Amino acid sequence: MLTAVPAVVLGALLLLLLTGSTLNLQSYMGIIMSVGVSIANAVLLITNAEQIRKRTGDAVAAAKEAVTLRLRPILIDKCCHDRGIAYRWPSDMERAGDKSLRWGRAVIGGLLFFNTGSSHYSSFNFFMDSR
């Protein structure tokens, strides 16, 4: 589960770097939020894999089935966060300016990196730990 944290932080920092944004309080808050969301998703994935492993006794099949079952809800969660941030930006630009953009970029970058690789890496760690 904690293997998600470096991927999220790296993704957030990379997107902030690519967009030319600086690290400040808003970007730190975005990183913290994306870490929290990714840890929650990883906990759900690993918990599901553990329940399947207890039922079937096969860690490899449990990891594969857990990723198959939980990937769609994790991606829906990411899309909802992205959409909520995208709808919030225009109104925040009038009040807060670029500060809100840094927060949103950190959240989107962190969740993007978690969803592309770290969720699958979490299931791989589950498999290796259960051997």
Protein backbone atom coordinates (compact mmCIF):
# COMPACT_ATOMS: atom_id res chain seq x y z
CA MET A 1 0.00 0.00 0.00
CA LEU A 2 2.78 2.41 0.84
CA THR A 3 4.37 1.68 -2.53
CA ALA A 4 1.76 4.01 -4.00
CA VAL A 5 3.18 7.07 -2.24
CA PRO A 6 6.41 7.46 -4.29
CA ALA A 7 4.52 7.05 -7.57
CA VAL A 8 1.93 9.64 -6.58
CA VAL A 9 4.52 12.16 -5.41
CA LEU A 10 6.61 11.60 -8.54
CA GLY A 11 3.58 12.05 -10.80
CA ALA A 12 2.50 15.23 -9.04
CA LEU A 13 6.00 16.72 -9.13
CA LEU A 14 6.46 15.74 -12.77
CA LEU A 15 3.21 17.40 -13.86
CA LEU A 16 4.06 20.51 -11.85
CA LEU A 17 7.49 20.59 -13.51
CA LEU A 18 6.09 20.07 -17.01
CA THR A 19 3.58 22.89 -16.56
CA GLY A 20 6.09 25.27 -15.00
CA SER A 21 4.30 25.45 -11.65
CA THR A 22 6.16 25.95 -8.41
CA LEU A 23 5.87 24.09 -5.13
CA ASN A 24 3.78 26.02 -2.66
CA LEU A 25 1.07 25.41 -0.09
CA GLN A 26 -1.61 24.66 -2.70
CA SER A 27 0.55 22.15 -4.57
CA TYR A 28 1.48 20.45 -1.27
CA MET A 29 -2.22 20.18 -0.41
CA GLY A 30 -2.84 18.63 -3.83
CA ILE A 31 -0.07 16.10 -3.30
CA ILE A 32 -1.42 15.18 0.13
CA MET A 33 -4.92 14.76 -1.29
CA SER A 34 -3.76 12.54 -4.15
CA VAL A 35 -1.69 10.43 -1.74
CA GLY A 36 -4.76 9.93 0.45
CA VAL A 37 -6.96 8.92 -2.47
CA SER A 38 -4.36 6.52 -3.86
CA ILE A 39 -3.77 4.90 -0.46
CA ALA A 40 -7.52 4.38 -0.07
CA ASN A 41 -7.69 2.77 -3.50
CA ALA A 42 -4.67 0.56 -2.73
CA VAL A 43 -6.23 -0.55 0.56
CA LEU A 44 -9.42 -1.55 -1.24
CA LEU A 45 -7.43 -3.44 -3.87
CA ILE A 46 -5.29 -5.34 -1.37
CA THR A 47 -8.23 -6.10 0.92
CA ASN A 48 -10.15 -7.52 -1.99
CA ALA A 49 -7.15 -9.61 -3.07
CA GLU A 50 -6.71 -10.94 0.46
CA GLN A 51 -10.36 -12.01 0.68
CA ILE A 52 -10.11 -13.80 -2.67
CA ARG A 53 -6.85 -15.47 -1.63
CA LYS A 54 -8.44 -16.77 1.57
CA ARG A 55 -11.34 -18.17 -0.44
CA THR A 56 -9.31 -19.77 -3.26
CA GLY A 57 -5.86 -20.30 -1.73
CA ASP A 58 -4.07 -19.07 -4.87
CA ALA A 59 -2.26 -15.74 -4.52
CA VAL A 60 -1.60 -15.28 -8.25
CA ALA A 61 -5.23 -15.81 -9.21
CA ALA A 62 -6.34 -13.62 -6.29
CA ALA A 63 -4.10 -10.73 -7.40
CA LYS A 64 -5.31 -10.98 -11.00
CA GLU A 65 -8.95 -11.19 -10.01
CA ALA A 66 -8.65 -8.29 -7.54
CA VAL A 67 -7.14 -6.05 -10.21
CA THR A 68 -9.87 -7.12 -12.62
CA LEU A 69 -12.61 -6.37 -10.08
CA ARG A 70 -11.20 -3.14 -8.61
CA LEU A 71 -9.65 -1.46 -11.65
CA ARG A 72 -12.94 -0.08 -12.96
CA PRO A 73 -13.98 1.53 -9.62
CA ILE A 74 -10.48 2.97 -9.21
CA LEU A 75 -10.59 4.51 -12.69
CA ILE A 76 -14.10 5.86 -12.07
CA ASP A 77 -12.83 7.45 -8.85
CA LYS A 78 -9.95 9.08 -10.75
CA CYS A 79 -12.27 10.36 -13.48
CA CYS A 80 -14.60 11.86 -10.88
CA HIS A 81 -11.70 13.66 -9.22
CA ASP A 82 -10.43 14.96 -12.56
CA ARG A 83 -13.87 16.12 -13.60
CA GLY A 84 -14.51 17.82 -10.28
CA ILE A 85 -11.20 19.63 -10.51
CA ALA A 86 -11.82 20.62 -14.13
CA TYR A 87 -15.21 22.11 -13.21
CA ARG A 88 -13.74 23.93 -10.24
CA TRP A 89 -10.86 25.61 -12.09
CA PRO A 90 -12.81 28.28 -14.02
CA SER A 91 -14.51 29.64 -10.90
CA ASP A 92 -11.27 29.45 -8.90
CA MET A 93 -9.33 31.30 -11.60
CA GLU A 94 -11.47 34.37 -10.97
CA ARG A 95 -10.79 34.32 -7.23
CA ALA A 96 -7.48 32.55 -6.66
CA GLY A 97 -5.64 32.79 -9.95
CA ASP A 98 -2.80 30.36 -10.57
CA LYS A 99 -2.82 29.02 -7.00
CA SER A 100 -5.77 26.76 -7.71
CA LEU A 101 -4.15 25.46 -10.87
CA ARG A 102 -1.13 24.23 -8.91
CA TRP A 103 -3.40 22.29 -6.57
CA GLY A 104 -5.28 20.72 -9.45
CA ARG A 105 -2.14 19.84 -11.37
CA ALA A 106 -0.68 18.11 -8.31
CA VAL A 107 -3.84 16.05 -7.78
CA ILE A 108 -4.23 15.07 -11.43
CA GLY A 109 -0.53 14.23 -11.84
CA GLY A 110 -0.45 12.13 -8.68
CA LEU A 111 -3.57 10.16 -9.48
CA LEU A 112 -2.47 9.67 -13.08
CA PHE A 113 0.77 8.00 -11.99
CA PHE A 114 -1.02 5.88 -9.38
CA ASN A 115 -3.59 4.62 -11.85
CA THR A 116 -1.13 3.86 -14.64
CA GLY A 117 1.24 1.65 -12.72
CA SER A 118 1.16 1.71 -8.97
CA SER A 119 -2.21 -0.02 -8.60
CA HIS A 120 -0.85 -2.97 -10.55
CA TYR A 121 2.39 -2.81 -8.57
CA SER A 122 0.38 -3.02 -5.32
CA SER A 123 -1.20 -6.27 -6.48
CA PHE A 124 2.25 -7.59 -7.44
CA ASN A 125 3.53 -6.75 -3.92
CA PHE A 126 0.52 -8.58 -2.47
CA PHE A 127 1.45 -11.64 -4.52
CA MET A 128 5.08 -11.51 -3.40
CA ASP A 129 4.15 -11.00 0.28
CA SER A 130 1.68 -13.86 0.32
CA ARG A 131 4.21 -16.44 -0.93
